[in-house]
Amino acid sequence: MNKEELKVLISSEENKDRYKDFVILDNPVPFNEFAKDKNIDCVQPHIIISHQGKTFITWAGSFEWKNNEINSLDGNCYDETMNILAYEWFENKEENVNCGLEIIVETFN
């Protein structure tokens, strides 16, 4: 998905409030390069799925990134080279997330 297609998807009626503050990258960047040498309490990937002619974005889990390694928070496996298309930093003090990151990726393993 290119940048313009992602802009259209993010600005759609069902997504415009949820993803309005995401930064869309000019070119996809591998997660491990984007997050190199950062410690992130919680990363929440959102994936783009096409099904029955409709394309949508859905939340796909959570992990932490410490010492340049992924540590799953939900038991799922994540690929550190997944390409980030867009992102948003966040904090959630109630959940002890001082440095959080939501990312939109096309797919991951």
PDB file of N, CA and C in Angstrom:
ATOM      1  N   MET A   1       0.864  -1.173   0.000  1.00  0.00           N
ATOM      2  CA  MET A   1       0.000   0.000   0.000  1.00  0.00           C
ATOM      3  C   MET A   1       0.902   1.225   0.000  1.00  0.00           C
ATOM      4  N   ASN A   2       0.623   2.160  -0.909  1.00  0.00           N
ATOM      5  CA  ASN A   2       1.435   3.367  -0.947  1.00  0.00           C
ATOM      6  C   ASN A   2       0.871   4.442  -0.008  1.00  0.00           C
ATOM      7  N   LYS A   3       1.614   5.521   0.130  1.00  0.00           N
ATOM      8  CA  LYS A   3       1.260   6.581   1.075  1.00  0.00           C
ATOM      9  C   LYS A   3      -0.119   7.175   0.787  1.00  0.00           C
ATOM     10  N   GLU A   4      -0.423   7.414  -0.466  1.00  0.00           N
ATOM     11  CA  GLU A   4      -1.718   8.021  -0.822  1.00  0.00           C
ATOM     12  C   GLU A   4      -2.884   7.070  -0.523  1.00  0.00           C
ATOM     13  N   GLU A   5      -2.704   5.787  -0.807  1.00  0.00           N
ATOM     14  CA  GLU A   5      -3.742   4.799  -0.492  1.00  0.00           C
ATOM     15  C   GLU A   5      -3.970   4.717   1.016  1.00  0.00           C
ATOM     16  N   LEU A   6      -2.884   4.782   1.791  1.00  0.00           N
ATOM     17  CA  LEU A   6      -3.008   4.740   3.248  1.00  0.00           C
ATOM     18  C   LEU A   6      -3.730   5.987   3.767  1.00  0.00           C
ATOM     19  N   LYS A   7      -3.436   7.138   3.193  1.00  0.00           N
ATOM     20  CA  LYS A   7      -4.137   8.376   3.591  1.00  0.00           C
ATOM     21  C   LYS A   7      -5.644   8.227   3.389  1.00  0.00           C
ATOM     22  N   VAL A   8      -6.033   7.654   2.270  1.00  0.00           N
ATOM     23  CA  VAL A   8      -7.458   7.453   1.985  1.00  0.00           C
ATOM     24  C   VAL A   8      -8.064   6.487   2.995  1.00  0.00           C
ATOM     25  N   LEU A   9      -7.368   5.383   3.274  1.00  0.00           N
ATOM     26  CA  LEU A   9      -7.880   4.395   4.223  1.00  0.00           C
ATOM     27  C   LEU A   9      -8.013   5.003   5.628  1.00  0.00           C
ATOM     28  N   ILE A  10      -7.009   5.737   6.061  1.00  0.00           N
ATOM     29  CA  ILE A  10      -7.036   6.353   7.394  1.00  0.00           C
ATOM     30  C   ILE A  10      -8.129   7.408   7.511  1.00  0.00           C
ATOM     31  N   SER A  11      -8.387   8.121   6.446  1.00  0.00           N
ATOM     32  CA  SER A  11      -9.388   9.196   6.504  1.00  0.00           C
ATOM     33  C   SER A  11     -10.812   8.707   6.236  1.00  0.00           C
ATOM     34  N   SER A  12     -10.978   7.402   6.007  1.00  0.00           N
ATOM     35  CA  SER A  12     -12.324   6.875   5.775  1.00  0.00           C
ATOM     36  C   SER A  12     -13.185   7.066   7.012  1.00  0.00           C
ATOM     37  N   GLU A  13     -14.479   7.021   6.840  1.00  0.00           N
ATOM     38  CA  GLU A  13     -15.429   7.278   7.925  1.00  0.00           C
ATOM     39  C   GLU A  13     -15.169   6.392   9.149  1.00  0.00           C
ATOM     40  N   GLU A  14     -14.897   5.104   8.917  1.00  0.00           N
ATOM     41  CA  GLU A  14     -14.698   4.202  10.051  1.00  0.00           C
ATOM     42  C   GLU A  14     -13.337   4.356  10.734  1.00  0.00           C
ATOM     43  N   ASN A  15     -12.378   5.030  10.092  1.00  0.00           N
ATOM     44  CA  ASN A  15     -11.030   5.148  10.653  1.00  0.00           C
ATOM     45  C   ASN A  15     -10.619   6.561  11.042  1.00  0.00           C
ATOM     46  N   LYS A  16     -11.346   7.559  10.581  1.00  0.00           N
ATOM     47  CA  LYS A  16     -10.843   8.931  10.688  1.00  0.00           C
ATOM     48  C   LYS A  16     -10.592   9.397  12.118  1.00  0.00           C
ATOM     49  N   ASP A  17     -11.391   8.982  13.085  1.00  0.00           N
ATOM     50  CA  ASP A  17     -11.155   9.387  14.468  1.00  0.00           C
ATOM     51  C   ASP A  17     -10.028   8.576  15.100  1.00  0.00           C
ATOM     52  N   ARG A  18      -9.978   7.296  14.828  1.00  0.00           N
ATOM     53  CA  ARG A  18      -9.000   6.401  15.460  1.00  0.00           C
ATOM     54  C   ARG A  18      -7.562   6.670  15.026  1.00  0.00           C
ATOM     55  N   TYR A  19      -7.362   6.960  13.752  1.00  0.00           N
ATOM     56  CA  TYR A  19      -6.012   7.063  13.202  1.00  0.00           C
ATOM     57  C   TYR A  19      -5.627   8.480  12.769  1.00  0.00           C
ATOM     58  N   LYS A  20      -6.394   9.475  13.165  1.00  0.00           N
ATOM     59  CA  LYS A  20      -6.174  10.842  12.675  1.00  0.00           C
ATOM     60  C   LYS A  20      -4.817  11.424  13.061  1.00  0.00           C
ATOM     61  N   ASP A  21      -4.226  10.991  14.174  1.00  0.00           N
ATOM     62  CA  ASP A  21      -2.957  11.551  14.633  1.00  0.00           C
ATOM     63  C   ASP A  21      -1.741  10.719  14.244  1.00  0.00           C
ATOM     64  N   PHE A  22      -1.945   9.677  13.460  1.00  0.00           N
ATOM     65  CA  PHE A  22      -0.819   8.863  13.014  1.00  0.00           C
ATOM     66  C   PHE A  22       0.021   9.622  11.984  1.00  0.00           C
ATOM     67  N   VAL A  23       1.320   9.458  12.073  1.00  0.00           N
ATOM     68  CA  VAL A  23       2.251  10.016  11.095  1.00  0.00           C
ATOM     69  C   VAL A  23       2.434   8.968  10.007  1.00  0.00           C
ATOM     70  N   ILE A  24       2.162   9.354   8.773  1.00  0.00           N
ATOM     71  CA  ILE A  24       2.328   8.439   7.642  1.00  0.00           C
ATOM     72  C   ILE A  24       3.731   8.644   7.068  1.00  0.00           C
ATOM     73  N   LEU A  25       4.472   7.562   6.976  1.00  0.00           N
ATOM     74  CA  LEU A  25       5.839   7.628   6.449  1.00  0.00           C
ATOM     75  C   LEU A  25       5.831   7.725   4.932  1.00  0.00           C
ATOM     76  N   ASP A  26       6.823   8.410   4.387  1.00  0.00           N
ATOM     77  CA  ASP A  26       6.948   8.505   2.930  1.00  0.00           C
ATOM     78  C   ASP A  26       7.252   7.137   2.324  1.00  0.00           C
ATOM     79  N   ASN A  27       8.062   6.362   3.027  1.00  0.00           N
ATOM     80  CA  ASN A  27       8.431   5.018   2.590  1.00  0.00           C
ATOM     81  C   ASN A  27       8.392   4.094   3.796  1.00  0.00           C
ATOM     82  N   PRO A  28       8.004   2.836   3.597  1.00  0.00           N
ATOM     83  CA  PRO A  28       8.000   1.893   4.716  1.00  0.00           C
ATOM     84  C   PRO A  28       9.389   1.759   5.334  1.00  0.00           C
ATOM     85  N   VAL A  29       9.412   1.589   6.653  1.00  0.00           N
ATOM     86  CA  VAL A  29      10.676   1.439   7.386  1.00  0.00           C
ATOM     87  C   VAL A  29      10.578   0.180   8.246  1.00  0.00           C
ATOM     88  N   PRO A  30      11.588  -0.697   8.190  1.00  0.00           N
ATOM     89  CA  PRO A  30      11.564  -1.869   9.058  1.00  0.00           C
ATOM     90  C   PRO A  30      11.502  -1.447  10.532  1.00  0.00           C
ATOM     91  N   PHE A  31      10.684  -2.145  11.302  1.00  0.00           N
ATOM     92  CA  PHE A  31      10.500  -1.784  12.701  1.00  0.00           C
ATOM     93  C   PHE A  31      11.826  -1.709  13.448  1.00  0.00           C
ATOM     94  N   ASN A  32      12.694  -2.716  13.258  1.00  0.00           N
ATOM     95  CA  ASN A  32      13.947  -2.743  14.011  1.00  0.00           C
ATOM     96  C   ASN A  32      14.863  -1.563  13.684  1.00  0.00           C
ATOM     97  N   GLU A  33      14.739  -0.977  12.505  1.00  0.00           N
ATOM     98  CA  GLU A  33      15.498   0.237  12.179  1.00  0.00           C
ATOM     99  C   GLU A  33      14.835   1.462  12.814  1.00  0.00           C
ATOM    100  N   PHE A  34      13.515   1.520  12.730  1.00  0.00           N
ATOM    101  CA  PHE A  34      12.769   2.642  13.295  1.00  0.00           C
ATOM    102  C   PHE A  34      12.988   2.742  14.808  1.00  0.00           C
ATOM    103  N   ALA A  35      13.005   1.606  15.494  1.00  0.00           N
ATOM    104  CA  ALA A  35      13.059   1.583  16.958  1.00  0.00           C
ATOM    105  C   ALA A  35      14.463   1.316  17.508  1.00  0.00           C
ATOM    106  N   LYS A  36      15.457   1.275  16.645  1.00  0.00           N
ATOM    107  CA  LYS A  36      16.816   0.949  17.081  1.00  0.00           C
ATOM    108  C   LYS A  36      17.236   1.811  18.272  1.00  0.00           C
ATOM    109  N   ASP A  37      17.744   1.127  19.294  1.00  0.00           N
ATOM    110  CA  ASP A  37      18.276   1.750  20.509  1.00  0.00           C
ATOM    111  C   ASP A  37      17.248   2.523  21.328  1.00  0.00           C
ATOM    112  N   LYS A  38      15.964   2.281  21.073  1.00  0.00           N
ATOM    113  CA  LYS A  38      14.909   2.855  21.899  1.00  0.00           C
ATOM    114  C   LYS A  38      14.375   1.754  22.813  1.00  0.00           C
ATOM    115  N   ASN A  39      13.871   2.112  23.961  1.00  0.00           N
ATOM    116  CA  ASN A  39      13.163   1.179  24.819  1.00  0.00           C
ATOM    117  C   ASN A  39      11.715   1.597  24.848  1.00  0.00           C
ATOM    118  N   ILE A  40      10.834   0.726  24.369  1.00  0.00           N
ATOM    119  CA  ILE A  40       9.416   1.034  24.223  1.00  0.00           C
ATOM    120  C   ILE A  40       8.628   0.042  25.072  1.00  0.00           C
ATOM    121  N   ASP A  41       7.865   0.586  26.022  1.00  0.00           N
ATOM    122  CA  ASP A  41       7.112  -0.249  26.957  1.00  0.00           C
ATOM    123  C   ASP A  41       6.047  -1.097  26.276  1.00  0.00           C
ATOM    124  N   CYS A  42       5.422  -0.535  25.265  1.00  0.00           N
ATOM    125  CA  CYS A  42       4.325  -1.237  24.601  1.00  0.00           C
ATOM    126  C   CYS A  42       4.242  -0.794  23.147  1.00  0.00           C
ATOM    127  N   VAL A  43       4.343  -1.758  22.240  1.00  0.00           N
ATOM    128  CA  VAL A  43       4.140  -1.516  20.806  1.00  0.00           C
ATOM    129  C   VAL A  43       2.876  -2.255  20.420  1.00  0.00           C
ATOM    130  N   GLN A  44       1.970  -1.545  19.780  1.00  0.00           N
ATOM    131  CA  GLN A  44       0.713  -2.156  19.345  1.00  0.00           C
ATOM    132  C   GLN A  44       0.613  -2.073  17.822  1.00  0.00           C
ATOM    133  N   PRO A  45       0.899  -3.187  17.141  1.00  0.00           N
ATOM    134  CA  PRO A  45       0.764  -3.179  15.688  1.00  0.00           C
ATOM    135  C   PRO A  45      -0.702  -3.270  15.259  1.00  0.00           C
ATOM    136  N   HIS A  46      -1.002  -2.573  14.209  1.00  0.00           N
ATOM    137  CA  HIS A  46      -2.302  -2.635  13.542  1.00  0.00           C
ATOM    138  C   HIS A  46      -1.986  -3.080  12.114  1.00  0.00           C
ATOM    139  N   ILE A  47      -2.718  -4.053  11.619  1.00  0.00           N
ATOM    140  CA  ILE A  47      -2.437  -4.565  10.283  1.00  0.00           C
ATOM    141  C   ILE A  47      -3.553  -4.192   9.320  1.00  0.00           C
ATOM    142  N   ILE A  48      -3.169  -4.089   8.067  1.00  0.00           N
ATOM    143  CA  ILE A  48      -4.115  -3.807   6.986  1.00  0.00           C
ATOM    144  C   ILE A  48      -4.505  -5.142   6.374  1.00  0.00           C
ATOM    145  N   ILE A  49      -5.802  -5.378   6.324  1.00  0.00           N
ATOM    146  CA  ILE A  49      -6.337  -6.632   5.799  1.00  0.00           C
ATOM    147  C   ILE A  49      -7.338  -6.322   4.688  1.00  0.00           C
ATOM    148  N   SER A  50      -7.266  -7.088   3.629  1.00  0.00           N
ATOM    149  CA  SER A  50      -8.280  -7.015   2.574  1.00  0.00           C
ATOM    150  C   SER A  50      -9.070  -8.311   2.604  1.00  0.00           C
ATOM    151  N   HIS A  51     -10.402  -8.170   2.652  1.00  0.00           N
ATOM    152  CA  HIS A  51     -11.263  -9.344   2.723  1.00  0.00           C
ATOM    153  C   HIS A  51     -12.569  -9.031   2.015  1.00  0.00           C
ATOM    154  N   GLN A  52     -12.940  -9.887   1.091  1.00  0.00           N
ATOM    155  CA  GLN A  52     -14.190  -9.759   0.337  1.00  0.00           C
ATOM    156  C   GLN A  52     -14.352  -8.359  -0.248  1.00  0.00           C
ATOM    157  N   GLY A  53     -13.264  -7.864  -0.841  1.00  0.00           N
ATOM    158  CA  GLY A  53     -13.310  -6.583  -1.539  1.00  0.00           C
ATOM    159  C   GLY A  53     -13.229  -5.355  -0.650  1.00  0.00           C
ATOM    160  N   LYS A  54     -13.084  -5.539   0.654  1.00  0.00           N
ATOM    161  CA  LYS A  54     -13.002  -4.407   1.574  1.00  0.00           C
ATOM    162  C   LYS A  54     -11.637  -4.432   2.263  1.00  0.00           C
ATOM    163  N   THR A  55     -11.047  -3.255   2.423  1.00  0.00           N
ATOM    164  CA  THR A  55      -9.770  -3.125   3.105  1.00  0.00           C
ATOM    165  C   THR A  55     -10.001  -2.414   4.420  1.00  0.00           C
ATOM    166  N   PHE A  56      -9.427  -2.962   5.490  1.00  0.00           N
ATOM    167  CA  PHE A  56      -9.603  -2.338   6.790  1.00  0.00           C
ATOM    168  C   PHE A  56      -8.345  -2.506   7.640  1.00  0.00           C
ATOM    169  N   ILE A  57      -8.289  -1.751   8.731  1.00  0.00           N
ATOM    170  CA  ILE A  57      -7.169  -1.801   9.670  1.00  0.00           C
ATOM    171  C   ILE A  57      -7.681  -2.412  10.963  1.00  0.00           C
ATOM    172  N   THR A  58      -6.903  -3.321  11.544  1.00  0.00           N
ATOM    173  CA  THR A  58      -7.307  -3.930  12.790  1.00  0.00           C
ATOM    174  C   THR A  58      -6.113  -4.075  13.730  1.00  0.00           C
ATOM    175  N   TRP A  59      -6.388  -3.975  15.006  1.00  0.00           N
ATOM    176  CA  TRP A  59      -5.366  -4.147  16.034  1.00  0.00           C
ATOM    177  C   TRP A  59      -4.906  -5.592  16.020  1.00  0.00           C
ATOM    178  N   ALA A  60      -3.590  -5.810  16.253  1.00  0.00           N
ATOM    179  CA  ALA A  60      -3.060  -7.162  16.111  1.00  0.00           C
ATOM    180  C   ALA A  60      -2.159  -7.607  17.256  1.00  0.00           C
ATOM    181  N   GLY A  61      -2.284  -7.032  18.444  1.00  0.00           N
ATOM    182  CA  GLY A  61      -1.515  -7.519  19.575  1.00  0.00           C
ATOM    183  C   GLY A  61      -0.650  -6.463  20.224  1.00  0.00           C
ATOM    184  N   SER A  62       0.311  -6.935  21.038  1.00  0.00           N
ATOM    185  CA  SER A  62       1.206  -5.994  21.719  1.00  0.00           C
ATOM    186  C   SER A  62       2.494  -6.683  22.153  1.00  0.00           C
ATOM    187  N   PHE A  63       3.556  -5.911  22.124  1.00  0.00           N
ATOM    188  CA  PHE A  63       4.856  -6.391  22.570  1.00  0.00           C
ATOM    189  C   PHE A  63       5.657  -5.218  23.096  1.00  0.00           C
ATOM    190  N   GLU A  64       6.712  -5.533  23.820  1.00  0.00           N
ATOM    191  CA  GLU A  64       7.626  -4.478  24.242  1.00  0.00           C
ATOM    192  C   GLU A  64       8.914  -4.616  23.451  1.00  0.00           C
ATOM    193  N   TRP A  65       9.637  -3.517  23.336  1.00  0.00           N
ATOM    194  CA  TRP A  65      10.910  -3.480  22.625  1.00  0.00           C
ATOM    195  C   TRP A  65      11.953  -2.964  23.603  1.00  0.00           C
ATOM    196  N   LYS A  66      12.799  -3.848  24.071  1.00  0.00           N
ATOM    197  CA  LYS A  66      13.849  -3.521  25.038  1.00  0.00           C
ATOM    198  C   LYS A  66      15.167  -4.088  24.549  1.00  0.00           C
ATOM    199  N   ASN A  67      16.216  -3.289  24.639  1.00  0.00           N
ATOM    200  CA  ASN A  67      17.558  -3.730  24.227  1.00  0.00           C
ATOM    201  C   ASN A  67      17.559  -4.291  22.801  1.00  0.00           C
ATOM    202  N   ASN A  68      16.778  -3.647  21.932  1.00  0.00           N
ATOM    203  CA  ASN A  68      16.683  -4.033  20.516  1.00  0.00           C
ATOM    204  C   ASN A  68      16.156  -5.446  20.307  1.00  0.00           C
ATOM    205  N   GLU A  69      15.257  -5.865  21.204  1.00  0.00           N
ATOM    206  CA  GLU A  69      14.611  -7.179  21.068  1.00  0.00           C
ATOM    207  C   GLU A  69      13.125  -7.074  21.364  1.00  0.00           C
ATOM    208  N   ILE A  70      12.353  -7.887  20.664  1.00  0.00           N
ATOM    209  CA  ILE A  70      10.908  -7.973  20.895  1.00  0.00           C
ATOM    210  C   ILE A  70      10.636  -8.959  22.023  1.00  0.00           C
ATOM    211  N   ASN A  71       9.791  -8.545  22.948  1.00  0.00           N
ATOM    212  CA  ASN A  71       9.291  -9.414  24.012  1.00  0.00           C
ATOM    213  C   ASN A  71       7.767  -9.358  23.946  1.00  0.00           C
ATOM    214  N   SER A  72       7.154 -10.456  23.558  1.00  0.00           N
ATOM    215  CA  SER A  72       5.706 -10.498  23.403  1.00  0.00           C
ATOM    216  C   SER A  72       5.010 -10.242  24.737  1.00  0.00           C
ATOM    217  N   LEU A  73       3.948  -9.448  24.707  1.00  0.00           N
ATOM    218  CA  LEU A  73       3.125  -9.207  25.890  1.00  0.00           C
ATOM    219  C   LEU A  73       1.846 -10.038  25.863  1.00  0.00           C
ATOM    220  N   ASP A  74       1.596 -10.713  24.733  1.00  0.00           N
ATOM    221  CA  ASP A  74       0.345 -11.454  24.579  1.00  0.00           C
ATOM    222  C   ASP A  74       0.532 -12.891  24.096  1.00  0.00           C
ATOM    223  N   GLY A  75       1.782 -13.343  24.023  1.00  0.00           N
ATOM    224  CA  GLY A  75       2.044 -14.714  23.599  1.00  0.00           C
ATOM    225  C   GLY A  75       2.177 -14.899  22.099  1.00  0.00           C
ATOM    226  N   ASN A  76       1.895 -13.868  21.308  1.00  0.00           N
ATOM    227  CA  ASN A  76       2.039 -13.962  19.857  1.00  0.00           C
ATOM    228  C   ASN A  76       3.488 -13.747  19.456  1.00  0.00           C
ATOM    229  N   CYS A  77       3.819 -14.148  18.240  1.00  0.00           N
ATOM    230  CA  CYS A  77       5.152 -13.934  17.677  1.00  0.00           C
ATOM    231  C   CYS A  77       5.110 -12.725  16.746  1.00  0.00           C
ATOM    232  N   TYR A  78       6.158 -11.945  16.767  1.00  0.00           N
ATOM    233  CA  TYR A  78       6.241 -10.737  15.945  1.00  0.00           C
ATOM    234  C   TYR A  78       7.574 -10.717  15.213  1.00  0.00           C
ATOM    235  N   ASP A  79       7.567 -10.141  14.027  1.00  0.00           N
ATOM    236  CA  ASP A  79       8.752 -10.049  13.189  1.00  0.00           C
ATOM    237  C   ASP A  79       9.348  -8.654  13.340  1.00  0.00           C
ATOM    238  N   GLU A  80      10.570  -8.578  13.821  1.00  0.00           N
ATOM    239  CA  GLU A  80      11.190  -7.270  14.039  1.00  0.00           C
ATOM    240  C   GLU A  80      11.466  -6.509  12.746  1.00  0.00           C
ATOM    241  N   THR A  81      11.367  -7.196  11.601  1.00  0.00           N
ATOM    242  CA  THR A  81      11.608  -6.517  10.323  1.00  0.00           C
ATOM    243  C   THR A  81      10.309  -6.089   9.627  1.00  0.00           C
ATOM    244  N   MET A  82       9.158  -6.232  10.320  1.00  0.00           N
ATOM    245  CA  MET A  82       7.899  -5.792   9.701  1.00  0.00           C
ATOM    246  C   MET A  82       8.012  -4.315   9.315  1.00  0.00           C
ATOM    247  N   ASN A  83       7.454  -3.982   8.177  1.00  0.00           N
ATOM    248  CA  ASN A  83       7.562  -2.614   7.666  1.00  0.00           C
ATOM    249  C   ASN A  83       6.473  -1.721   8.232  1.00  0.00           C
ATOM    250  N   ILE A  84       6.909  -0.632   8.842  1.00  0.00           N
ATOM    251  CA  ILE A  84       5.989   0.364   9.384  1.00  0.00           C
ATOM    252  C   ILE A  84       5.564   1.304   8.267  1.00  0.00           C
ATOM    253  N   LEU A  85       4.258   1.528   8.161  1.00  0.00           N
ATOM    254  CA  LEU A  85       3.708   2.481   7.198  1.00  0.00           C
ATOM    255  C   LEU A  85       3.334   3.795   7.887  1.00  0.00           C
ATOM    256  N   ALA A  86       2.915   3.697   9.157  1.00  0.00           N
ATOM    257  CA  ALA A  86       2.487   4.873   9.917  1.00  0.00           C
ATOM    258  C   ALA A  86       2.649   4.561  11.400  1.00  0.00           C
ATOM    259  N   TYR A  87       2.705   5.619  12.218  1.00  0.00           N
ATOM    260  CA  TYR A  87       2.903   5.411  13.651  1.00  0.00           C
ATOM    261  C   TYR A  87       2.335   6.567  14.466  1.00  0.00           C
ATOM    262  N   GLU A  88       2.156   6.283  15.763  1.00  0.00           N
ATOM    263  CA  GLU A  88       1.766   7.300  16.727  1.00  0.00           C
ATOM    264  C   GLU A  88       2.357   6.911  18.085  1.00  0.00           C
ATOM    265  N   TRP A  89       3.044   7.844  18.738  1.00  0.00           N
ATOM    266  CA  TRP A  89       3.560   7.638  20.093  1.00  0.00           C
ATOM    267  C   TRP A  89       2.448   7.904  21.084  1.00  0.00           C
ATOM    268  N   PHE A  90       2.459   7.190  22.223  1.00  0.00           N
ATOM    269  CA  PHE A  90       1.447   7.425  23.242  1.00  0.00           C
ATOM    270  C   PHE A  90       2.000   7.114  24.629  1.00  0.00           C
ATOM    271  N   GLU A  91       1.295   7.571  25.635  1.00  0.00           N
ATOM    272  CA  GLU A  91       1.560   7.240  27.035  1.00  0.00           C
ATOM    273  C   GLU A  91       0.261   6.754  27.652  1.00  0.00           C
ATOM    274  N   ASN A  92       0.379   5.853  28.616  1.00  0.00           N
ATOM    275  CA  ASN A  92      -0.774   5.418  29.395  1.00  0.00           C
ATOM    276  C   ASN A  92      -0.261   5.152  30.807  1.00  0.00           C
ATOM    277  N   LYS A  93      -0.255   6.200  31.603  1.00  0.00           N
ATOM    278  CA  LYS A  93       0.306   6.112  32.957  1.00  0.00           C
ATOM    279  C   LYS A  93      -0.425   5.077  33.813  1.00  0.00           C
ATOM    280  N   GLU A  94      -1.731   4.929  33.625  1.00  0.00           N
ATOM    281  CA  GLU A  94      -2.504   3.944  34.401  1.00  0.00           C
ATOM    282  C   GLU A  94      -2.015   2.523  34.174  1.00  0.00           C
ATOM    283  N   GLU A  95      -1.499   2.252  32.970  1.00  0.00           N
ATOM    284  CA  GLU A  95      -0.991   0.919  32.626  1.00  0.00           C
ATOM    285  C   GLU A  95       0.538   0.860  32.677  1.00  0.00           C
ATOM    286  N   ASN A  96       1.157   1.889  33.263  1.00  0.00           N
ATOM    287  CA  ASN A  96       2.619   1.979  33.359  1.00  0.00           C
ATOM    288  C   ASN A  96       3.315   1.977  32.003  1.00  0.00           C
ATOM    289  N   VAL A  97       2.675   2.606  31.017  1.00  0.00           N
ATOM    290  CA  VAL A  97       3.295   2.760  29.701  1.00  0.00           C
ATOM    291  C   VAL A  97       3.765   4.212  29.595  1.00  0.00           C
ATOM    292  N   ASN A  98       5.063   4.398  29.778  1.00  0.00           N
ATOM    293  CA  ASN A  98       5.648   5.730  29.668  1.00  0.00           C
ATOM    294  C   ASN A  98       6.036   6.049  28.232  1.00  0.00           C
ATOM    295  N   CYS A  99       6.368   5.009  27.491  1.00  0.00           N
ATOM    296  CA  CYS A  99       6.731   5.171  26.089  1.00  0.00           C
ATOM    297  C   CYS A  99       6.014   4.079  25.307  1.00  0.00           C
ATOM    298  N   GLY A 100       4.938   4.455  24.630  1.00  0.00           N
ATOM    299  CA  GLY A 100       4.169   3.503  23.838  1.00  0.00           C
ATOM    300  C   GLY A 100       4.180   3.903  22.375  1.00  0.00           C
ATOM    301  N   LEU A 101       3.985   2.936  21.518  1.00  0.00           N
ATOM    302  CA  LEU A 101       4.018   3.177  20.083  1.00  0.00           C
ATOM    303  C   LEU A 101       2.965   2.309  19.407  1.00  0.00           C
ATOM    304  N   GLU A 102       2.114   2.944  18.633  1.00  0.00           N
ATOM    305  CA  GLU A 102       1.185   2.210  17.776  1.00  0.00           C
ATOM    306  C   GLU A 102       1.722   2.321  16.352  1.00  0.00           C
ATOM    307  N   ILE A 103       1.685   1.220  15.641  1.00  0.00           N
ATOM    308  CA  ILE A 103       2.204   1.193  14.272  1.00  0.00           C
ATOM    309  C   ILE A 103       1.179   0.544  13.347  1.00  0.00           C
ATOM    310  N   ILE A 104       1.157   1.020  12.118  1.00  0.00           N
ATOM    311  CA  ILE A 104       0.366   0.372  11.079  1.00  0.00           C
ATOM    312  C   ILE A 104       1.342  -0.322  10.149  1.00  0.00           C
ATOM    313  N   VAL A 105       1.127  -1.625   9.957  1.00  0.00           N
ATOM    314  CA  VAL A 105       1.955  -2.425   9.071  1.00  0.00           C
ATOM    315  C   VAL A 105       1.037  -3.181   8.105  1.00  0.00           C
ATOM    316  N   GLU A 106       1.556  -3.539   6.964  1.00  0.00           N
ATOM    317  CA  GLU A 106       0.724  -4.292   6.021  1.00  0.00           C
ATOM    318  C   GLU A 106       0.522  -5.719   6.493  1.00  0.00           C
ATOM    319  N   THR A 107       1.567  -6.313   7.026  1.00  0.00           N
ATOM    320  CA  THR A 107       1.485  -7.690   7.514  1.00  0.00           C
ATOM    321  C   THR A 107       2.682  -7.964   8.390  1.00  0.00           C
ATOM    322  N   PHE A 108       2.613  -8.993   9.185  1.00  0.00           N
ATOM    323  CA  PHE A 108       3.780  -9.451   9.936  1.00  0.00           C
ATOM    324  C   PHE A 108       3.644 -10.932  10.194  1.00  0.00           C
ATOM    325  N   ASN A 109       4.759 -11.561  10.534  1.00  0.00           N
ATOM    326  CA  ASN A 109       4.778 -13.004  10.796  1.00  0.00           C
ATOM    327  C   ASN A 109       4.859 -13.248  12.282  1.00  0.00           C
TER     328      ASN A 109
END
